[in-house]
Amino acid sequence: MSAQRVDDINVVMIVFDEAMLSPLLRTDGTINRKRFPGFAALADSSTWYRNMMGTAQRTTEAV
């Protein structure tokens, strides 16, 4: 048997440094689609690590 070929996978990582999450969310923890339709669409088609935290206090060290 031959190995199955896997096509290249593109990975894009977007970091919103110093952006607060709470204004984007509704009380149930979902993105407020009415106020932020772009972020809601991005979250629908992405893997979103909601609980991810920065590794440092400064942007130059964290990113």
PDB file of N, CA and C in Angstrom:
ATOM      1  N   MET A   1       0.830  -1.186   0.000  1.00  0.00           N
ATOM      2  CA  MET A   1       0.000   0.000   0.000  1.00  0.00           C
ATOM      3  C   MET A   1       0.876   1.251   0.000  1.00  0.00           C
ATOM      4  N   SER A   2       0.451   2.213  -0.737  1.00  0.00           N
ATOM      5  CA  SER A   2       1.187   3.476  -0.743  1.00  0.00           C
ATOM      6  C   SER A   2       0.561   4.445   0.267  1.00  0.00           C
ATOM      7  N   ALA A   3       1.394   5.320   0.751  1.00  0.00           N
ATOM      8  CA  ALA A   3       0.909   6.314   1.716  1.00  0.00           C
ATOM      9  C   ALA A   3      -0.016   7.294   1.017  1.00  0.00           C
ATOM     10  N   GLN A   4      -1.015   7.721   1.735  1.00  0.00           N
ATOM     11  CA  GLN A   4      -1.944   8.699   1.189  1.00  0.00           C
ATOM     12  C   GLN A   4      -1.296  10.081   1.212  1.00  0.00           C
ATOM     13  N   ARG A   5      -1.415  10.813   0.126  1.00  0.00           N
ATOM     14  CA  ARG A   5      -0.810  12.143   0.029  1.00  0.00           C
ATOM     15  C   ARG A   5      -1.690  13.168   0.733  1.00  0.00           C
ATOM     16  N   VAL A   6      -1.062  13.990   1.514  1.00  0.00           N
ATOM     17  CA  VAL A   6      -1.766  15.077   2.183  1.00  0.00           C
ATOM     18  C   VAL A   6      -1.328  16.379   1.534  1.00  0.00           C
ATOM     19  N   ASP A   7      -2.292  17.142   1.048  1.00  0.00           N
ATOM     20  CA  ASP A   7      -1.965  18.439   0.449  1.00  0.00           C
ATOM     21  C   ASP A   7      -1.433  19.388   1.513  1.00  0.00           C
ATOM     22  N   ASP A   8      -0.683  20.364   1.054  1.00  0.00           N
ATOM     23  CA  ASP A   8      -0.172  21.373   1.976  1.00  0.00           C
ATOM     24  C   ASP A   8      -1.331  22.074   2.674  1.00  0.00           C
ATOM     25  N   ILE A   9      -1.127  22.390   3.922  1.00  0.00           N
ATOM     26  CA  ILE A   9      -2.136  23.085   4.710  1.00  0.00           C
ATOM     27  C   ILE A   9      -1.594  24.467   5.056  1.00  0.00           C
ATOM     28  N   ASN A  10      -2.358  25.481   4.748  1.00  0.00           N
ATOM     29  CA  ASN A  10      -1.970  26.845   5.085  1.00  0.00           C
ATOM     30  C   ASN A  10      -2.430  27.175   6.498  1.00  0.00           C
ATOM     31  N   VAL A  11      -1.573  27.801   7.246  1.00  0.00           N
ATOM     32  CA  VAL A  11      -1.899  28.216   8.606  1.00  0.00           C
ATOM     33  C   VAL A  11      -1.690  29.721   8.708  1.00  0.00           C
ATOM     34  N   VAL A  12      -2.691  30.405   9.208  1.00  0.00           N
ATOM     35  CA  VAL A  12      -2.603  31.843   9.447  1.00  0.00           C
ATOM     36  C   VAL A  12      -2.940  32.067  10.910  1.00  0.00           C
ATOM     37  N   MET A  13      -2.080  32.790  11.595  1.00  0.00           N
ATOM     38  CA  MET A  13      -2.321  33.092  13.005  1.00  0.00           C
ATOM     39  C   MET A  13      -2.501  34.596  13.147  1.00  0.00           C
ATOM     40  N   ILE A  14      -3.617  34.981  13.739  1.00  0.00           N
ATOM     41  CA  ILE A  14      -3.908  36.395  13.958  1.00  0.00           C
ATOM     42  C   ILE A  14      -3.895  36.645  15.455  1.00  0.00           C
ATOM     43  N   VAL A  15      -3.099  37.611  15.879  1.00  0.00           N
ATOM     44  CA  VAL A  15      -3.013  37.965  17.295  1.00  0.00           C
ATOM     45  C   VAL A  15      -3.532  39.386  17.449  1.00  0.00           C
ATOM     46  N   PHE A  16      -4.548  39.537  18.271  1.00  0.00           N
ATOM     47  CA  PHE A  16      -5.074  40.867  18.575  1.00  0.00           C
ATOM     48  C   PHE A  16      -4.471  41.299  19.902  1.00  0.00           C
ATOM     49  N   ASP A  17      -3.297  41.882  19.826  1.00  0.00           N
ATOM     50  CA  ASP A  17      -2.577  42.285  21.025  1.00  0.00           C
ATOM     51  C   ASP A  17      -3.286  43.462  21.688  1.00  0.00           C
ATOM     52  N   GLU A  18      -3.480  43.358  22.962  1.00  0.00           N
ATOM     53  CA  GLU A  18      -4.115  44.385  23.790  1.00  0.00           C
ATOM     54  C   GLU A  18      -5.576  44.623  23.453  1.00  0.00           C
ATOM     55  N   ALA A  19      -6.201  43.746  22.707  1.00  0.00           N
ATOM     56  CA  ALA A  19      -7.628  43.871  22.427  1.00  0.00           C
ATOM     57  C   ALA A  19      -8.405  43.150  23.523  1.00  0.00           C
ATOM     58  N   MET A  20      -9.352  43.844  24.121  1.00  0.00           N
ATOM     59  CA  MET A  20     -10.157  43.236  25.175  1.00  0.00           C
ATOM     60  C   MET A  20     -11.245  42.365  24.562  1.00  0.00           C
ATOM     61  N   LEU A  21     -11.453  41.197  25.127  1.00  0.00           N
ATOM     62  CA  LEU A  21     -12.457  40.270  24.628  1.00  0.00           C
ATOM     63  C   LEU A  21     -13.861  40.641  25.099  1.00  0.00           C
ATOM     64  N   SER A  22     -13.990  41.129  26.308  1.00  0.00           N
ATOM     65  CA  SER A  22     -15.314  41.353  26.904  1.00  0.00           C
ATOM     66  C   SER A  22     -16.246  42.239  26.072  1.00  0.00           C
ATOM     67  N   PRO A  23     -15.781  43.303  25.410  1.00  0.00           N
ATOM     68  CA  PRO A  23     -16.721  44.096  24.604  1.00  0.00           C
ATOM     69  C   PRO A  23     -17.302  43.342  23.405  1.00  0.00           C
ATOM     70  N   LEU A  24     -16.614  42.292  22.943  1.00  0.00           N
ATOM     71  CA  LEU A  24     -17.099  41.520  21.794  1.00  0.00           C
ATOM     72  C   LEU A  24     -18.198  40.535  22.158  1.00  0.00           C
ATOM     73  N   LEU A  25     -18.279  40.177  23.441  1.00  0.00           N
ATOM     74  CA  LEU A  25     -19.131  39.068  23.854  1.00  0.00           C
ATOM     75  C   LEU A  25     -20.486  39.493  24.391  1.00  0.00           C
ATOM     76  N   ARG A  26     -21.439  38.579  24.220  1.00  0.00           N
ATOM     77  CA  ARG A  26     -22.745  38.711  24.859  1.00  0.00           C
ATOM     78  C   ARG A  26     -22.651  38.062  26.229  1.00  0.00           C
ATOM     79  N   THR A  27     -23.701  38.149  27.013  1.00  0.00           N
ATOM     80  CA  THR A  27     -23.668  37.590  28.369  1.00  0.00           C
ATOM     81  C   THR A  27     -23.517  36.072  28.371  1.00  0.00           C
ATOM     82  N   ASP A  28     -23.899  35.404  27.275  1.00  0.00           N
ATOM     83  CA  ASP A  28     -23.755  33.946  27.220  1.00  0.00           C
ATOM     84  C   ASP A  28     -22.377  33.500  26.728  1.00  0.00           C
ATOM     85  N   GLY A  29     -21.476  34.448  26.474  1.00  0.00           N
ATOM     86  CA  GLY A  29     -20.114  34.112  26.068  1.00  0.00           C
ATOM     87  C   GLY A  29     -19.897  34.003  24.573  1.00  0.00           C
ATOM     88  N   THR A  30     -20.935  34.193  23.785  1.00  0.00           N
ATOM     89  CA  THR A  30     -20.782  34.155  22.331  1.00  0.00           C
ATOM     90  C   THR A  30     -20.526  35.570  21.809  1.00  0.00           C
ATOM     91  N   ILE A  31     -19.970  35.645  20.609  1.00  0.00           N
ATOM     92  CA  ILE A  31     -19.695  36.952  20.009  1.00  0.00           C
ATOM     93  C   ILE A  31     -21.013  37.625  19.639  1.00  0.00           C
ATOM     94  N   ASN A  32     -21.114  38.888  19.926  1.00  0.00           N
ATOM     95  CA  ASN A  32     -22.295  39.667  19.581  1.00  0.00           C
ATOM     96  C   ASN A  32     -22.286  39.894  18.068  1.00  0.00           C
ATOM     97  N   ARG A  33     -23.056  39.080  17.352  1.00  0.00           N
ATOM     98  CA  ARG A  33     -23.068  39.109  15.885  1.00  0.00           C
ATOM     99  C   ARG A  33     -23.618  40.419  15.328  1.00  0.00           C
ATOM    100  N   LYS A  34     -24.526  41.035  16.041  1.00  0.00           N
ATOM    101  CA  LYS A  34     -25.112  42.284  15.556  1.00  0.00           C
ATOM    102  C   LYS A  34     -24.087  43.416  15.604  1.00  0.00           C
ATOM    103  N   ARG A  35     -23.327  43.484  16.676  1.00  0.00           N
ATOM    104  CA  ARG A  35     -22.346  44.560  16.834  1.00  0.00           C
ATOM    105  C   ARG A  35     -21.035  44.277  16.118  1.00  0.00           C
ATOM    106  N   PHE A  36     -20.656  42.987  16.033  1.00  0.00           N
ATOM    107  CA  PHE A  36     -19.353  42.617  15.470  1.00  0.00           C
ATOM    108  C   PHE A  36     -19.497  41.476  14.461  1.00  0.00           C
ATOM    109  N   PRO A  37     -20.167  41.720  13.332  1.00  0.00           N
ATOM    110  CA  PRO A  37     -20.387  40.637  12.366  1.00  0.00           C
ATOM    111  C   PRO A  37     -19.095  40.085  11.768  1.00  0.00           C
ATOM    112  N   GLY A  38     -18.091  40.924  11.606  1.00  0.00           N
ATOM    113  CA  GLY A  38     -16.817  40.458  11.046  1.00  0.00           C
ATOM    114  C   GLY A  38     -16.106  39.484  11.972  1.00  0.00           C
ATOM    115  N   PHE A  39     -16.063  39.806  13.253  1.00  0.00           N
ATOM    116  CA  PHE A  39     -15.442  38.896  14.218  1.00  0.00           C
ATOM    117  C   PHE A  39     -16.242  37.600  14.327  1.00  0.00           C
ATOM    118  N   ALA A  40     -17.563  37.691  14.270  1.00  0.00           N
ATOM    119  CA  ALA A  40     -18.398  36.489  14.332  1.00  0.00           C
ATOM    120  C   ALA A  40     -18.135  35.585  13.130  1.00  0.00           C
ATOM    121  N   ALA A  41     -18.031  36.169  11.949  1.00  0.00           N
ATOM    122  CA  ALA A  41     -17.746  35.382  10.744  1.00  0.00           C
ATOM    123  C   ALA A  41     -16.362  34.749  10.820  1.00  0.00           C
ATOM    124  N   LEU A  42     -15.393  35.494  11.321  1.00  0.00           N
ATOM    125  CA  LEU A  42     -14.042  34.950  11.477  1.00  0.00           C
ATOM    126  C   LEU A  42     -14.043  33.777  12.453  1.00  0.00           C
ATOM    127  N   ALA A  43     -14.746  33.919  13.559  1.00  0.00           N
ATOM    128  CA  ALA A  43     -14.814  32.842  14.553  1.00  0.00           C
ATOM    129  C   ALA A  43     -15.527  31.615  13.996  1.00  0.00           C
ATOM    130  N   ASP A  44     -16.530  31.822  13.140  1.00  0.00           N
ATOM    131  CA  ASP A  44     -17.267  30.702  12.547  1.00  0.00           C
ATOM    132  C   ASP A  44     -16.398  29.841  11.645  1.00  0.00           C
ATOM    133  N   SER A  45     -15.414  30.453  11.009  1.00  0.00           N
ATOM    134  CA  SER A  45     -14.600  29.716  10.038  1.00  0.00           C
ATOM    135  C   SER A  45     -13.174  29.472  10.531  1.00  0.00           C
ATOM    136  N   SER A  46     -12.973  29.592  11.828  1.00  0.00           N
ATOM    137  CA  SER A  46     -11.620  29.486  12.382  1.00  0.00           C
ATOM    138  C   SER A  46     -11.610  28.641  13.645  1.00  0.00           C
ATOM    139  N   THR A  47     -10.413  28.318  14.080  1.00  0.00           N
ATOM    140  CA  THR A  47     -10.231  27.738  15.405  1.00  0.00           C
ATOM    141  C   THR A  47      -9.872  28.894  16.317  1.00  0.00           C
ATOM    142  N   TRP A  48     -10.699  29.085  17.309  1.00  0.00           N
ATOM    143  CA  TRP A  48     -10.559  30.236  18.188  1.00  0.00           C
ATOM    144  C   TRP A  48     -10.172  29.755  19.577  1.00  0.00           C
ATOM    145  N   TYR A  49      -9.027  30.191  20.045  1.00  0.00           N
ATOM    146  CA  TYR A  49      -8.547  29.814  21.373  1.00  0.00           C
ATOM    147  C   TYR A  49      -8.943  30.914  22.355  1.00  0.00           C
ATOM    148  N   ARG A  50     -10.146  30.825  22.879  1.00  0.00           N
ATOM    149  CA  ARG A  50     -10.719  31.880  23.719  1.00  0.00           C
ATOM    150  C   ARG A  50      -9.937  32.130  24.991  1.00  0.00           C
ATOM    151  N   ASN A  51      -9.366  31.094  25.552  1.00  0.00           N
ATOM    152  CA  ASN A  51      -8.695  31.228  26.844  1.00  0.00           C
ATOM    153  C   ASN A  51      -7.193  31.445  26.721  1.00  0.00           C
ATOM    154  N   MET A  52      -6.726  31.702  25.525  1.00  0.00           N
ATOM    155  CA  MET A  52      -5.299  31.922  25.313  1.00  0.00           C
ATOM    156  C   MET A  52      -4.873  33.242  25.931  1.00  0.00           C
ATOM    157  N   MET A  53      -3.717  33.235  26.538  1.00  0.00           N
ATOM    158  CA  MET A  53      -3.190  34.449  27.148  1.00  0.00           C
ATOM    159  C   MET A  53      -1.811  34.736  26.586  1.00  0.00           C
ATOM    160  N   GLY A  54      -1.437  35.992  26.604  1.00  0.00           N
ATOM    161  CA  GLY A  54      -0.119  36.390  26.130  1.00  0.00           C
ATOM    162  C   GLY A  54       0.982  35.808  26.995  1.00  0.00           C
ATOM    163  N   THR A  55       2.155  35.718  26.422  1.00  0.00           N
ATOM    164  CA  THR A  55       3.288  35.135  27.138  1.00  0.00           C
ATOM    165  C   THR A  55       4.128  36.167  27.859  1.00  0.00           C
ATOM    166  N   ALA A  56       3.840  37.423  27.624  1.00  0.00           N
ATOM    167  CA  ALA A  56       4.625  38.491  28.250  1.00  0.00           C
ATOM    168  C   ALA A  56       3.761  39.740  28.375  1.00  0.00           C
ATOM    169  N   GLN A  57       4.239  40.702  29.127  1.00  0.00           N
ATOM    170  CA  GLN A  57       3.500  41.938  29.353  1.00  0.00           C
ATOM    171  C   GLN A  57       3.630  42.935  28.207  1.00  0.00           C
ATOM    172  N   ARG A  58       4.690  42.826  27.425  1.00  0.00           N
ATOM    173  CA  ARG A  58       4.936  43.776  26.341  1.00  0.00           C
ATOM    174  C   ARG A  58       4.755  43.108  24.985  1.00  0.00           C
ATOM    175  N   THR A  59       4.241  43.868  24.037  1.00  0.00           N
ATOM    176  CA  THR A  59       4.037  43.351  22.686  1.00  0.00           C
ATOM    177  C   THR A  59       5.341  42.864  22.072  1.00  0.00           C
ATOM    178  N   THR A  60       6.408  43.616  22.243  1.00  0.00           N
ATOM    179  CA  THR A  60       7.684  43.250  21.618  1.00  0.00           C
ATOM    180  C   THR A  60       8.215  41.924  22.140  1.00  0.00           C
ATOM    181  N   GLU A  61       7.828  41.527  23.324  1.00  0.00           N
ATOM    182  CA  GLU A  61       8.271  40.249  23.883  1.00  0.00           C
ATOM    183  C   GLU A  61       7.268  39.131  23.616  1.00  0.00           C
ATOM    184  N   ALA A  62       6.007  39.473  23.493  1.00  0.00           N
ATOM    185  CA  ALA A  62       4.959  38.464  23.380  1.00  0.00           C
ATOM    186  C   ALA A  62       4.704  37.997  21.954  1.00  0.00           C
ATOM    187  N   VAL A  63       4.935  38.871  20.995  1.00  0.00           N
ATOM    188  CA  VAL A  63       4.583  38.524  19.610  1.00  0.00           C
ATOM    189  C   VAL A  63       5.826  38.165  18.836  1.00  0.00           C
TER     190      VAL A  63
END
